[in-house]
Amino acid sequence: MSPDVLQDRFGRRIDYLRLSVTDRCDMRCSYCMPEGFSDYEEPQDWLSFAEIERVVAAFARLGTSRFRITGGEPLLRRNLSQLAANLNRLPGVHDLSLSTNGTQLARHAAALKAAGVSRLNVSLDSLCAERVLDITRRDALAQIQDGLLVAQSCGFAPIKINMVVMGGVNEDEVDNMAEYCFRHGFVLRLIETMPMGNTGRNAGYVDLQPIRQRLQARFGLVDGVVRGGGPARYLVSPDGDFSIGFITPLSQHFCETCNRVRLSVEGTLYLCLGQEHQFALRPLLRAGISDAELDAAIRSAIELKPERHEFREQPGKIIRVMSKTGG
């Protein structure tokens, strides 16, 4: 294996790191965080910006080029745009993006764009204010939509709208959301719920395959590709102006092409959402590990990455909730 290629034991190249900068969030989405949840990491246990930069620099040395800043809600971490600027200057970092719930986006969009964040994923599960309140436990639809327009005016492209489709909750809004994204020039991504803790298992799983077929016929879409490093499979309009992605971990899993790992806010590498394989980097960082030793530790961690999740075979297996793992 080339020294600048990070590859797991199943031959998958790991070129995408999702980086959680906080486990705090100003929403309590029903499929992500249990009501009354308070099991947060203490701030002294969070990786510092300097520690985050060391880990990202190491992954970049090993050939990982795509990095996504996530949370919790990442925009709750103070001075995030400064971290983004520092990461964007590191050799080998070629794509820096951010996932957000959009509530803080209007205030921070310009600074993030200036810092080198090029793409945004924004969670929006409904266009009905009452439903947004029910799902997120916050009356925030107007705030999110304002943030989207500000981000668009700052030049972010593409802006992807992440909609978790839930039976009996928002399944009937998929077509309206598609039309909204078409009008505003956003990329829509529809996501199946995953059995991450009781919150995920009770969220109302919907198989997206029939929805995919219906939308393909309604909008005249064909198979296509949209820039990004994630697992979505896309349909695009023939003129390329409109795209819908489908993230289907249950109905059509993508484990054989999985190219990503997650770093939690306290410095734990999670190698798979659907397994418990993990590797703690924080103790090594705070013990004074050298860059060469850090590279070797990351290579050892990637060797733990399992072949696939077992969401269908063992839906009750994962106890940790999504907010603890990182987006």
Protein backbone atom coordinates (compact mmCIF):
# COMPACT_ATOMS: atom_id res chain seq x y z
CA MET A 1 0.00 0.00 0.00
CA SER A 2 1.21 3.50 -0.86
CA PRO A 3 2.18 5.48 2.27
CA ASP A 4 -0.28 8.24 1.29
CA VAL A 5 -3.29 5.94 0.88
CA LEU A 6 -5.41 4.94 3.87
CA GLN A 7 -7.07 1.61 3.13
CA ASP A 8 -8.96 -0.83 5.30
CA ARG A 9 -8.57 -4.64 5.28
CA PHE A 10 -11.44 -4.98 2.79
CA GLY A 11 -9.72 -2.80 0.20
CA ARG A 12 -11.84 0.31 0.76
CA ARG A 13 -9.98 3.59 0.56
CA ILE A 14 -10.80 5.88 3.50
CA ASP A 15 -10.81 9.38 2.04
CA TYR A 16 -13.53 11.04 4.12
CA LEU A 17 -13.49 12.05 7.80
CA ARG A 18 -16.58 13.38 9.55
CA LEU A 19 -15.45 15.53 12.43
CA SER A 20 -17.70 16.35 15.40
CA VAL A 21 -16.74 19.58 17.16
CA THR A 22 -19.49 19.46 19.82
CA ASP A 23 -22.15 17.08 21.08
CA ARG A 24 -24.37 20.01 22.08
CA CYS A 25 -27.37 20.94 19.96
CA ASP A 26 -30.10 23.57 20.16
CA MET A 27 -32.64 21.07 18.85
CA ARG A 28 -33.87 17.73 20.17
CA CYS A 29 -34.76 15.88 16.98
CA SER A 30 -36.92 12.88 17.81
CA TYR A 31 -34.80 10.42 15.78
CA CYS A 32 -31.47 11.66 17.14
CA MET A 33 -31.62 12.69 20.79
CA PRO A 34 -33.91 11.32 23.51
CA GLU A 35 -36.16 13.85 25.22
CA GLY A 36 -34.47 15.06 28.39
CA PHE A 37 -31.04 13.85 27.19
CA SER A 38 -28.21 15.28 29.27
CA ASP A 39 -25.34 12.79 28.84
CA TYR A 40 -23.00 15.34 27.30
CA GLU A 41 -19.23 15.23 27.28
CA GLU A 42 -17.54 17.73 29.57
CA PRO A 43 -15.86 20.58 27.63
CA GLN A 44 -12.45 19.70 29.08
CA ASP A 45 -12.82 16.32 27.37
CA TRP A 46 -13.53 17.84 23.96
CA LEU A 47 -10.62 17.87 21.57
CA SER A 48 -9.11 21.34 21.44
CA PHE A 49 -8.78 23.09 18.09
CA ALA A 50 -5.05 22.30 18.13
CA GLU A 51 -5.78 18.60 18.72
CA ILE A 52 -8.40 18.57 15.96
CA GLU A 53 -5.92 20.16 13.58
CA ARG A 54 -3.32 17.49 14.44
CA VAL A 55 -5.77 14.68 13.69
CA VAL A 56 -6.93 16.25 10.42
CA ALA A 57 -3.32 16.88 9.37
CA ALA A 58 -2.52 13.22 10.05
CA PHE A 59 -5.48 11.97 8.02
CA ALA A 60 -4.50 14.33 5.21
CA ARG A 61 -0.93 12.97 5.24
CA LEU A 62 -2.45 9.51 4.86
CA GLY A 63 -4.42 10.53 1.77
CA THR A 64 -7.79 11.54 3.22
CA SER A 65 -8.87 14.68 1.37
CA ARG A 66 -12.52 15.23 2.32
CA PHE A 67 -13.47 16.58 5.73
CA ARG A 68 -16.90 17.48 7.07
CA ILE A 69 -17.45 19.48 10.25
CA THR A 70 -20.43 18.14 12.21
CA GLY A 71 -21.93 18.07 15.73
CA GLY A 72 -24.34 18.05 17.54
CA GLU A 73 -24.80 21.49 16.04
CA PRO A 74 -21.29 22.60 15.04
CA LEU A 75 -22.15 26.30 14.92
CA LEU A 76 -22.57 26.22 18.71
CA ARG A 77 -18.79 25.75 19.05
CA ARG A 78 -17.21 29.15 19.58
CA ASN A 79 -14.81 30.48 16.90
CA LEU A 80 -15.70 27.67 14.50
CA SER A 81 -14.86 29.74 11.43
CA GLN A 82 -11.30 30.13 12.74
CA LEU A 83 -10.99 26.35 13.05
CA ALA A 84 -12.35 25.97 9.52
CA ALA A 85 -9.79 28.44 8.18
CA ASN A 86 -6.96 26.58 9.94
CA LEU A 87 -8.14 23.22 8.59
CA ASN A 88 -8.53 24.59 5.08
CA ARG A 89 -4.87 25.66 5.08
CA LEU A 90 -3.55 22.21 5.93
CA PRO A 91 -1.75 20.37 3.09
CA GLY A 92 -3.95 17.69 1.56
CA VAL A 93 -7.30 19.14 2.66
CA HIS A 94 -9.12 19.54 -0.65
CA ASP A 95 -12.78 19.57 0.38
CA LEU A 96 -14.12 21.11 3.61
CA SER A 97 -17.86 21.04 4.21
CA LEU A 98 -20.25 21.44 7.12
CA SER A 99 -23.50 19.89 8.35
CA THR A 100 -25.87 22.10 10.32
CA ASN A 101 -29.46 22.35 11.46
CA GLY A 102 -29.52 25.88 10.04
CA THR A 103 -30.66 27.78 13.12
CA GLN A 104 -27.36 29.69 13.42
CA LEU A 105 -26.56 29.78 9.71
CA ALA A 106 -27.66 33.34 8.91
CA ARG A 107 -25.17 34.70 11.50
CA HIS A 108 -22.24 32.54 10.46
CA ALA A 109 -22.58 31.87 6.72
CA ALA A 110 -20.33 34.70 5.52
CA ALA A 111 -17.53 33.86 7.95
CA LEU A 112 -17.70 30.17 7.07
CA LYS A 113 -17.50 30.93 3.35
CA ALA A 114 -14.51 33.22 3.92
CA ALA A 115 -12.84 30.45 5.96
CA GLY A 116 -12.99 28.02 3.05
CA VAL A 117 -16.06 25.93 3.79
CA SER A 118 -17.38 25.20 0.30
CA ARG A 119 -20.51 23.11 0.80
CA LEU A 120 -23.34 22.84 3.30
CA ASN A 121 -25.75 20.12 4.34
CA VAL A 122 -28.77 21.52 6.19
CA SER A 123 -31.25 19.36 8.07
CA LEU A 124 -34.86 20.21 7.26
CA ASP A 125 -37.49 17.51 7.78
CA SER A 126 -40.65 19.50 7.11
CA LEU A 127 -41.95 22.72 5.58
CA CYS A 128 -44.72 22.90 8.16
CA ALA A 129 -43.79 24.99 11.21
CA GLU A 130 -45.88 22.85 13.57
CA ARG A 131 -44.21 19.68 12.34
CA VAL A 132 -40.75 21.18 12.67
CA LEU A 133 -41.66 21.98 16.27
CA ASP A 134 -42.91 18.43 16.84
CA ILE A 135 -39.83 16.81 15.30
CA THR A 136 -37.12 19.12 16.67
CA ARG A 137 -38.88 20.45 19.78
CA ARG A 138 -38.07 23.96 18.56
CA ASP A 139 -40.10 26.48 16.54
CA ALA A 140 -37.33 27.16 14.03
CA LEU A 141 -38.62 26.81 10.46
CA ALA A 142 -38.41 30.53 9.65
CA GLN A 143 -34.91 30.71 11.12
CA ILE A 144 -33.73 27.74 9.04
CA GLN A 145 -35.20 29.06 5.81
CA ASP A 146 -33.65 32.49 6.43
CA GLY A 147 -30.28 30.80 7.01
CA LEU A 148 -30.58 28.91 3.75
CA LEU A 149 -31.19 32.06 1.74
CA VAL A 150 -28.32 33.91 3.44
CA ALA A 151 -25.98 30.99 2.76
CA GLN A 152 -27.06 30.90 -0.86
CA SER A 153 -26.40 34.64 -1.20
CA CYS A 154 -22.89 34.03 0.21
CA GLY A 155 -22.14 31.68 -2.67
CA PHE A 156 -22.39 28.25 -1.07
CA ALA A 157 -23.01 25.60 -3.71
CA PRO A 158 -24.27 23.02 -3.61
CA ILE A 159 -26.52 23.40 -0.58
CA LYS A 160 -28.00 20.04 0.27
CA ILE A 161 -31.23 19.66 2.24
CA ASN A 162 -31.25 16.53 4.41
CA MET A 163 -34.74 15.19 5.05
CA VAL A 164 -35.17 12.13 7.28
CA VAL A 165 -38.34 10.45 6.01
CA MET A 166 -40.53 9.07 8.79
CA GLY A 167 -43.78 7.16 8.44
CA GLY A 168 -46.74 8.92 9.98
CA VAL A 169 -44.64 12.05 10.54
CA ASN A 170 -43.49 13.67 7.30
CA GLU A 171 -43.67 10.98 4.61
CA ASP A 172 -46.53 12.88 2.94
CA GLU A 173 -44.30 15.97 2.47
CA VAL A 174 -41.64 14.43 0.25
CA ASP A 175 -43.10 15.77 -3.00
CA ASN A 176 -43.58 19.26 -1.54
CA MET A 177 -39.99 19.24 -0.29
CA ALA A 178 -38.78 18.20 -3.74
CA GLU A 179 -40.67 21.09 -5.32
CA TYR A 180 -39.29 23.52 -2.71
CA CYS A 181 -35.72 22.42 -3.44
CA PHE A 182 -36.33 22.60 -7.19
CA ARG A 183 -37.58 26.21 -6.90
CA HIS A 184 -34.66 27.35 -4.75
CA GLY A 185 -31.85 25.43 -6.42
CA PHE A 186 -31.12 23.13 -3.47
CA VAL A 187 -30.14 19.46 -3.70
CA LEU A 188 -32.63 17.29 -1.81
CA ARG A 189 -31.33 14.23 0.04
CA LEU A 190 -33.85 11.78 1.46
CA ILE A 191 -32.61 9.62 4.34
CA GLU A 192 -33.90 6.40 5.86
CA THR A 193 -33.97 6.29 9.65
CA MET A 194 -31.34 4.06 11.27
CA PRO A 195 -31.85 1.99 14.44
CA MET A 196 -29.39 4.03 16.52
CA GLY A 197 -30.68 3.70 20.08
CA ASN A 198 -34.38 3.72 20.91
CA THR A 199 -34.79 7.13 19.28
CA GLY A 200 -33.78 5.75 15.89
CA ARG A 201 -35.67 2.48 16.27
CA ASN A 202 -38.90 4.27 17.10
CA ALA A 203 -38.68 6.92 14.39
CA GLY A 204 -40.97 5.26 11.81
CA TYR A 205 -38.75 3.62 9.19
CA VAL A 206 -39.77 4.16 5.55
CA ASP A 207 -38.29 2.21 2.63
CA LEU A 208 -37.19 4.87 0.12
CA GLN A 209 -37.18 2.65 -2.96
CA PRO A 210 -40.86 3.20 -3.89
CA ILE A 211 -40.45 6.93 -3.25
CA ARG A 212 -37.40 6.96 -5.50
CA GLN A 213 -39.38 5.37 -8.34
CA ARG A 214 -42.25 7.84 -7.92
CA LEU A 215 -40.02 10.92 -7.89
CA GLN A 216 -38.00 9.66 -10.84
CA ALA A 217 -41.16 9.42 -12.93
CA ARG A 218 -42.68 12.70 -11.68
CA PHE A 219 -39.62 14.87 -12.32
CA GLY A 220 -38.19 12.97 -15.31
CA LEU A 221 -34.93 12.18 -13.51
CA VAL A 222 -32.05 9.94 -14.56
CA ASP A 223 -29.16 8.37 -12.65
CA GLY A 224 -26.41 10.89 -11.99
CA VAL A 225 -23.62 12.13 -9.74
CA VAL A 226 -23.47 15.13 -7.41
CA ARG A 227 -20.22 16.41 -5.91
CA GLY A 228 -19.57 15.11 -2.41
CA GLY A 229 -17.97 12.22 -0.54
CA GLY A 230 -20.98 10.61 1.11
CA PRO A 231 -23.13 7.56 0.42
CA ALA A 232 -26.08 9.14 -1.42
CA ARG A 233 -27.18 7.71 -4.76
CA TYR A 234 -28.52 10.48 -6.97
CA LEU A 235 -31.15 11.09 -9.59
CA VAL A 236 -30.69 14.27 -11.65
CA SER A 237 -32.73 16.17 -14.20
CA PRO A 238 -31.46 15.83 -17.81
CA ASP A 239 -30.38 19.49 -17.77
CA GLY A 240 -28.49 18.99 -14.49
CA ASP A 241 -30.41 21.74 -12.68
CA PHE A 242 -32.11 19.54 -10.08
CA SER A 243 -30.92 16.55 -8.05
CA ILE A 244 -32.36 14.20 -5.43
CA GLY A 245 -30.13 11.91 -3.41
CA PHE A 246 -31.16 8.81 -1.49
CA ILE A 247 -29.32 7.56 1.60
CA THR A 248 -30.58 4.04 2.16
CA PRO A 249 -28.65 2.19 4.87
CA LEU A 250 -31.40 -0.43 5.23
CA SER A 251 -33.19 -0.88 1.91
CA GLN A 252 -30.01 -0.69 -0.20
CA HIS A 253 -26.95 -0.53 2.01
CA PHE A 254 -23.70 0.94 0.72
CA CYS A 255 -21.20 -0.81 3.00
CA GLU A 256 -19.08 -2.19 0.17
CA THR A 257 -18.18 1.36 -0.90
CA CYS A 258 -17.97 2.96 2.57
CA ASN A 259 -15.13 5.47 2.47
CA ARG A 260 -15.64 7.26 5.80
CA VAL A 261 -15.00 7.21 9.52
CA ARG A 262 -16.19 9.54 12.28
CA LEU A 263 -14.29 11.39 14.97
CA SER A 264 -16.41 12.24 18.01
CA VAL A 265 -15.97 15.44 19.98
CA GLU A 266 -13.96 13.66 22.70
CA GLY A 267 -11.55 12.14 20.19
CA THR A 268 -12.93 8.65 19.59
CA LEU A 269 -12.80 7.28 16.07
CA TYR A 270 -15.98 5.38 15.21
CA LEU A 271 -15.32 3.04 12.32
CA CYS A 272 -18.97 2.19 11.52
CA LEU A 273 -22.33 3.64 12.57
CA GLY A 274 -23.80 0.17 12.86
CA GLN A 275 -21.03 -1.45 14.90
CA GLU A 276 -19.22 -0.64 18.13
CA HIS A 277 -15.69 -0.69 16.67
CA GLN A 278 -13.86 2.37 17.97
CA PHE A 279 -10.39 3.73 18.73
CA ALA A 280 -9.59 6.43 21.31
CA LEU A 281 -7.16 9.07 20.04
CA ARG A 282 -7.46 11.65 22.83
CA PRO A 283 -5.35 9.74 25.38
CA LEU A 284 -2.59 9.38 22.81
CA LEU A 285 -2.74 13.05 21.83
CA ARG A 286 -2.55 14.19 25.45
CA ALA A 287 0.30 11.80 26.19
CA GLY A 288 2.48 13.60 23.64
CA ILE A 289 2.33 11.16 20.72
CA SER A 290 4.57 12.09 17.77
CA ASP A 291 3.23 12.68 14.26
CA ALA A 292 4.67 9.37 13.07
CA GLU A 293 3.06 7.56 16.00
CA LEU A 294 -0.25 9.30 15.34
CA ASP A 295 -0.17 8.18 11.70
CA ALA A 296 0.50 4.61 12.83
CA ALA A 297 -2.33 4.77 15.37
CA ILE A 298 -4.79 5.90 12.69
CA ARG A 299 -3.67 3.06 10.41
CA SER A 300 -4.25 0.63 13.30
CA ALA A 301 -7.69 2.09 13.89
CA ILE A 302 -8.70 1.71 10.25
CA GLU A 303 -7.82 -1.99 10.48
CA LEU A 304 -10.74 -2.30 12.93
CA LYS A 305 -13.31 -1.06 10.41
CA PRO A 306 -15.87 -3.87 9.95
CA GLU A 307 -17.10 -5.13 6.62
CA ARG A 308 -20.69 -3.99 7.12
CA HIS A 309 -23.34 -2.94 9.61
CA GLU A 310 -26.06 -5.26 10.88
CA PHE A 311 -28.99 -2.86 11.12
CA ARG A 312 -31.39 -5.40 9.61
CA GLU A 313 -30.01 -8.51 11.29
CA GLN A 314 -29.60 -6.93 14.74
CA PRO A 315 -31.66 -3.70 14.88
CA GLY A 316 -31.32 -3.47 18.66
CA LYS A 317 -27.55 -3.82 18.67
CA ILE A 318 -26.50 -0.15 18.81
CA ILE A 319 -27.34 1.46 22.13
CA ARG A 320 -25.52 4.76 21.66
CA VAL A 321 -27.57 7.55 20.14
CA MET A 322 -26.59 9.46 17.02
CA SER A 323 -25.80 12.64 18.92
CA LYS A 324 -23.05 10.83 20.85
CA THR A 325 -21.42 9.42 17.74
CA GLY A 326 -21.27 12.59 15.68
CA GLY A 327 -23.16 13.46 12.53
